[in-house]
Amino acid sequence: MPLAAESTEQLWFLNTLHTVRVRHDEGEDGISVMETLARQGDSPPLHVHRTEDEIFHVLEGELRVRAGDLDVKIAAGETLLAPKRVPHTYRVESEGARWLVTTTRGDFERFVRALSRPAERPELPADQGPTTPEQADALAAVAREHGIELVGPPLD
């Protein structure tokens, strides 16, 4: 019988709100499910997960996702797989968006946790503004520690 989580953990990760729905250490297969909320224009650097596929399932809004040669928009109810070792990123095209991110092994979840702080309320954090070069270097270093390599800029 599946176990239901008693509570959900909410984290402010950069300019987004992540709600941990399933922790990677809750099951035997290391599956992690996080719900992400972000404002329009949010886009991480182009990056590669060395150890995990990443699945995006949009709940609200619209994302533009680039994965390898694929560049598509996905909206509520649509799902996209960004395979490991394939450079990918996204950009929130709508006023805001909410989606599920599913990975295995826990590397991405641990990366998010390493750079997060507990959310003070269940909403987006204050916008931190443009990333400084020092912040970008720190982000890249923590990403590398978790099997993620930053390989290019965010989407315009």
C-alpha atoms as a PDB file:
ATOM      1  CA  MET A   1       0.000   0.000   0.000  1.00  0.00           C
ATOM      2  CA  PRO A   2       1.430   3.440  -0.945  1.00  0.00           C
ATOM      3  CA  LEU A   3       2.384   5.772   1.850  1.00  0.00           C
ATOM      4  CA  ALA A   4       0.917   9.265   1.951  1.00  0.00           C
ATOM      5  CA  ALA A   5       3.171  12.088   3.004  1.00  0.00           C
ATOM      6  CA  GLU A   6       2.074  13.656   6.289  1.00  0.00           C
ATOM      7  CA  SER A   7       3.374  17.080   5.322  1.00  0.00           C
ATOM      8  CA  THR A   8       4.940  18.846   2.376  1.00  0.00           C
ATOM      9  CA  GLU A   9       8.170  20.762   2.604  1.00  0.00           C
ATOM     10  CA  GLN A  10       8.350  24.136   0.865  1.00  0.00           C
ATOM     11  CA  LEU A  11      11.657  25.645  -0.194  1.00  0.00           C
ATOM     12  CA  TRP A  12      12.655  28.935  -1.754  1.00  0.00           C
ATOM     13  CA  PHE A  13      15.152  27.973  -4.454  1.00  0.00           C
ATOM     14  CA  LEU A  14      16.604  31.039  -6.144  1.00  0.00           C
ATOM     15  CA  ASN A  15      13.465  32.884  -7.417  1.00  0.00           C
ATOM     16  CA  THR A  16      11.135  29.865  -7.269  1.00  0.00           C
ATOM     17  CA  LEU A  17       9.036  27.985  -4.744  1.00  0.00           C
ATOM     18  CA  HIS A  18       9.609  24.223  -4.632  1.00  0.00           C
ATOM     19  CA  THR A  19       7.183  21.997  -2.785  1.00  0.00           C
ATOM     20  CA  VAL A  20       8.679  18.566  -2.170  1.00  0.00           C
ATOM     21  CA  ARG A  21       5.869  16.087  -2.885  1.00  0.00           C
ATOM     22  CA  VAL A  22       7.979  12.893  -2.762  1.00  0.00           C
ATOM     23  CA  ARG A  23      11.508  12.822  -1.307  1.00  0.00           C
ATOM     24  CA  HIS A  24      14.051  10.664  -3.111  1.00  0.00           C
ATOM     25  CA  ASP A  25      14.701   8.721   0.105  1.00  0.00           C
ATOM     26  CA  GLU A  26      11.046   7.762   0.680  1.00  0.00           C
ATOM     27  CA  GLY A  27      11.046   4.829  -1.748  1.00  0.00           C
ATOM     28  CA  GLU A  28      13.444   2.196  -2.993  1.00  0.00           C
ATOM     29  CA  ASP A  29      13.896   3.672  -6.496  1.00  0.00           C
ATOM     30  CA  GLY A  30      14.997   7.157  -5.443  1.00  0.00           C
ATOM     31  CA  ILE A  31      12.118   8.911  -7.203  1.00  0.00           C
ATOM     32  CA  SER A  32      11.769  12.586  -6.345  1.00  0.00           C
ATOM     33  CA  VAL A  33       8.728  14.695  -7.220  1.00  0.00           C
ATOM     34  CA  MET A  34       8.840  18.437  -6.659  1.00  0.00           C
ATOM     35  CA  GLU A  35       6.207  20.989  -7.553  1.00  0.00           C
ATOM     36  CA  THR A  36       7.720  24.206  -8.866  1.00  0.00           C
ATOM     37  CA  LEU A  37       6.117  27.650  -8.955  1.00  0.00           C
ATOM     38  CA  ALA A  38       7.841  30.433 -10.896  1.00  0.00           C
ATOM     39  CA  ARG A  39       7.077  33.827 -12.349  1.00  0.00           C
ATOM     40  CA  GLN A  40       7.151  34.849 -15.998  1.00  0.00           C
ATOM     41  CA  GLY A  41      10.634  34.888 -17.509  1.00  0.00           C
ATOM     42  CA  ASP A  42      12.177  32.465 -15.013  1.00  0.00           C
ATOM     43  CA  SER A  43      14.855  30.472 -16.844  1.00  0.00           C
ATOM     44  CA  PRO A  44      17.837  28.581 -15.429  1.00  0.00           C
ATOM     45  CA  PRO A  45      21.117  28.342 -17.344  1.00  0.00           C
ATOM     46  CA  LEU A  46      21.317  25.670 -20.027  1.00  0.00           C
ATOM     47  CA  HIS A  47      22.501  22.605 -18.125  1.00  0.00           C
ATOM     48  CA  VAL A  48      23.143  18.864 -18.288  1.00  0.00           C
ATOM     49  CA  HIS A  49      22.163  16.293 -15.670  1.00  0.00           C
ATOM     50  CA  ARG A  50      24.855  13.599 -15.750  1.00  0.00           C
ATOM     51  CA  THR A  51      22.949  11.008 -13.685  1.00  0.00           C
ATOM     52  CA  GLU A  52      19.202  11.695 -13.999  1.00  0.00           C
ATOM     53  CA  ASP A  53      16.463  12.157 -16.561  1.00  0.00           C
ATOM     54  CA  GLU A  54      14.193  15.097 -15.718  1.00  0.00           C
ATOM     55  CA  ILE A  55      10.470  15.011 -16.415  1.00  0.00           C
ATOM     56  CA  PHE A  56       8.422  18.221 -16.616  1.00  0.00           C
ATOM     57  CA  HIS A  57       4.629  17.986 -16.208  1.00  0.00           C
ATOM     58  CA  VAL A  58       2.886  21.372 -16.436  1.00  0.00           C
ATOM     59  CA  LEU A  59      -0.011  21.953 -14.037  1.00  0.00           C
ATOM     60  CA  GLU A  60      -0.678  25.634 -14.805  1.00  0.00           C
ATOM     61  CA  GLY A  61       0.739  28.092 -17.312  1.00  0.00           C
ATOM     62  CA  GLU A  62       3.155  27.522 -20.165  1.00  0.00           C
ATOM     63  CA  LEU A  63       6.846  26.625 -20.370  1.00  0.00           C
ATOM     64  CA  ARG A  64       9.175  26.845 -23.322  1.00  0.00           C
ATOM     65  CA  VAL A  65      11.578  23.919 -23.003  1.00  0.00           C
ATOM     66  CA  ARG A  66      14.783  23.425 -24.967  1.00  0.00           C
ATOM     67  CA  ALA A  67      16.271  19.923 -24.771  1.00  0.00           C
ATOM     68  CA  GLY A  68      18.998  19.182 -27.293  1.00  0.00           C
ATOM     69  CA  ASP A  69      17.599  20.142 -30.728  1.00  0.00           C
ATOM     70  CA  LEU A  70      14.014  20.243 -29.432  1.00  0.00           C
ATOM     71  CA  ASP A  71      12.528  23.664 -28.626  1.00  0.00           C
ATOM     72  CA  VAL A  72       8.821  23.448 -27.715  1.00  0.00           C
ATOM     73  CA  LYS A  73       6.141  25.063 -25.613  1.00  0.00           C
ATOM     74  CA  ILE A  74       4.260  22.852 -23.190  1.00  0.00           C
ATOM     75  CA  ALA A  75       1.094  23.879 -21.372  1.00  0.00           C
ATOM     76  CA  ALA A  76      -1.116  22.561 -18.584  1.00  0.00           C
ATOM     77  CA  GLY A  77      -1.572  18.796 -18.887  1.00  0.00           C
ATOM     78  CA  GLU A  78       1.490  18.298 -21.097  1.00  0.00           C
ATOM     79  CA  THR A  79       4.657  16.403 -20.190  1.00  0.00           C
ATOM     80  CA  LEU A  80       8.204  16.458 -21.558  1.00  0.00           C
ATOM     81  CA  LEU A  81      11.235  14.293 -20.847  1.00  0.00           C
ATOM     82  CA  ALA A  82      14.671  15.952 -20.747  1.00  0.00           C
ATOM     83  CA  PRO A  83      17.022  12.939 -20.920  1.00  0.00           C
ATOM     84  CA  LYS A  84      20.186  12.829 -18.852  1.00  0.00           C
ATOM     85  CA  ARG A  85      23.320  13.956 -20.688  1.00  0.00           C
ATOM     86  CA  VAL A  86      21.202  16.208 -22.996  1.00  0.00           C
ATOM     87  CA  PRO A  87      21.567  19.982 -22.465  1.00  0.00           C
ATOM     88  CA  HIS A  88      18.243  21.523 -21.495  1.00  0.00           C
ATOM     89  CA  THR A  89      16.537  24.504 -19.911  1.00  0.00           C
ATOM     90  CA  TYR A  90      13.119  26.113 -19.723  1.00  0.00           C
ATOM     91  CA  ARG A  91      11.542  29.552 -19.645  1.00  0.00           C
ATOM     92  CA  VAL A  92       8.194  30.465 -18.083  1.00  0.00           C
ATOM     93  CA  GLU A  93       6.237  32.019 -20.965  1.00  0.00           C
ATOM     94  CA  SER A  94       2.963  32.724 -19.151  1.00  0.00           C
ATOM     95  CA  GLU A  95       2.401  35.199 -16.315  1.00  0.00           C
ATOM     96  CA  GLY A  96       3.479  32.408 -13.985  1.00  0.00           C
ATOM     97  CA  ALA A  97       3.620  28.631 -14.116  1.00  0.00           C
ATOM     98  CA  ARG A  98       3.379  25.625 -11.841  1.00  0.00           C
ATOM     99  CA  TRP A  99       4.760  22.222 -12.811  1.00  0.00           C
ATOM    100  CA  LEU A 100       5.992  18.931 -11.428  1.00  0.00           C
ATOM    101  CA  VAL A 101       9.628  17.889 -11.784  1.00  0.00           C
ATOM    102  CA  THR A 102      10.309  14.169 -11.457  1.00  0.00           C
ATOM    103  CA  THR A 103      13.831  12.733 -11.213  1.00  0.00           C
ATOM    104  CA  THR A 104      15.519   9.658  -9.779  1.00  0.00           C
ATOM    105  CA  ARG A 105      18.620   9.082  -7.618  1.00  0.00           C
ATOM    106  CA  GLY A 106      18.208  12.304  -5.612  1.00  0.00           C
ATOM    107  CA  ASP A 107      20.964  14.387  -7.218  1.00  0.00           C
ATOM    108  CA  PHE A 108      18.640  17.160  -8.432  1.00  0.00           C
ATOM    109  CA  GLU A 109      16.676  17.187  -5.174  1.00  0.00           C
ATOM    110  CA  ARG A 110      19.912  17.459  -3.152  1.00  0.00           C
ATOM    111  CA  PHE A 111      21.070  20.284  -5.456  1.00  0.00           C
ATOM    112  CA  VAL A 112      17.837  22.209  -4.824  1.00  0.00           C
ATOM    113  CA  ARG A 113      18.141  21.620  -1.078  1.00  0.00           C
ATOM    114  CA  ALA A 114      21.790  22.793  -1.063  1.00  0.00           C
ATOM    115  CA  LEU A 115      20.805  26.206  -2.448  1.00  0.00           C
ATOM    116  CA  SER A 116      17.390  26.613  -0.795  1.00  0.00           C
ATOM    117  CA  ARG A 117      16.042  28.059   2.375  1.00  0.00           C
ATOM    118  CA  PRO A 118      12.752  27.100   4.026  1.00  0.00           C
ATOM    119  CA  ALA A 119       9.897  29.107   2.502  1.00  0.00           C
ATOM    120  CA  GLU A 120       8.529  31.599   5.005  1.00  0.00           C
ATOM    121  CA  ARG A 121       5.114  31.414   3.303  1.00  0.00           C
ATOM    122  CA  PRO A 122       3.604  29.325   0.479  1.00  0.00           C
ATOM    123  CA  GLU A 123       4.343  31.853  -2.242  1.00  0.00           C
ATOM    124  CA  LEU A 124       7.211  32.992  -4.404  1.00  0.00           C
ATOM    125  CA  PRO A 125      10.160  34.651  -2.674  1.00  0.00           C
ATOM    126  CA  ALA A 126      11.032  38.259  -3.410  1.00  0.00           C
ATOM    127  CA  ASP A 127      12.763  38.488  -6.791  1.00  0.00           C
ATOM    128  CA  GLN A 128      16.521  38.455  -6.171  1.00  0.00           C
ATOM    129  CA  GLY A 129      17.249  40.291  -9.412  1.00  0.00           C
ATOM    130  CA  PRO A 130      20.017  39.469 -11.891  1.00  0.00           C
ATOM    131  CA  THR A 131      22.634  36.921 -10.877  1.00  0.00           C
ATOM    132  CA  THR A 132      26.046  38.375 -10.097  1.00  0.00           C
ATOM    133  CA  PRO A 133      29.182  36.696 -11.516  1.00  0.00           C
ATOM    134  CA  GLU A 134      30.052  35.482  -7.995  1.00  0.00           C
ATOM    135  CA  GLN A 135      26.573  33.970  -7.561  1.00  0.00           C
ATOM    136  CA  ALA A 136      26.843  32.293 -10.987  1.00  0.00           C
ATOM    137  CA  ASP A 137      30.198  30.754 -10.023  1.00  0.00           C
ATOM    138  CA  ALA A 138      28.780  29.483  -6.721  1.00  0.00           C
ATOM    139  CA  LEU A 139      25.728  28.038  -8.507  1.00  0.00           C
ATOM    140  CA  ALA A 140      27.955  26.233 -11.011  1.00  0.00           C
ATOM    141  CA  ALA A 141      30.146  24.788  -8.240  1.00  0.00           C
ATOM    142  CA  VAL A 142      27.177  23.430  -6.260  1.00  0.00           C
ATOM    143  CA  ALA A 143      25.621  22.076  -9.462  1.00  0.00           C
ATOM    144  CA  ARG A 144      28.823  20.153 -10.293  1.00  0.00           C
ATOM    145  CA  GLU A 145      28.788  18.603  -6.823  1.00  0.00           C
ATOM    146  CA  HIS A 146      25.351  17.149  -7.672  1.00  0.00           C
ATOM    147  CA  GLY A 147      26.044  15.811 -11.176  1.00  0.00           C
ATOM    148  CA  ILE A 148      24.798  18.900 -13.037  1.00  0.00           C
ATOM    149  CA  GLU A 149      26.938  20.952 -15.409  1.00  0.00           C
ATOM    150  CA  LEU A 150      25.979  24.481 -16.494  1.00  0.00           C
ATOM    151  CA  VAL A 151      26.763  24.702 -20.208  1.00  0.00           C
ATOM    152  CA  GLY A 152      25.080  27.866 -21.476  1.00  0.00           C
ATOM    153  CA  PRO A 153      22.868  30.855 -20.767  1.00  0.00           C
ATOM    154  CA  PRO A 154      19.186  30.901 -19.821  1.00  0.00           C
ATOM    155  CA  LEU A 155      16.586  31.299 -22.588  1.00  0.00           C
ATOM    156  CA  ASP A 156      15.798  34.893 -23.634  1.00  0.00           C
END
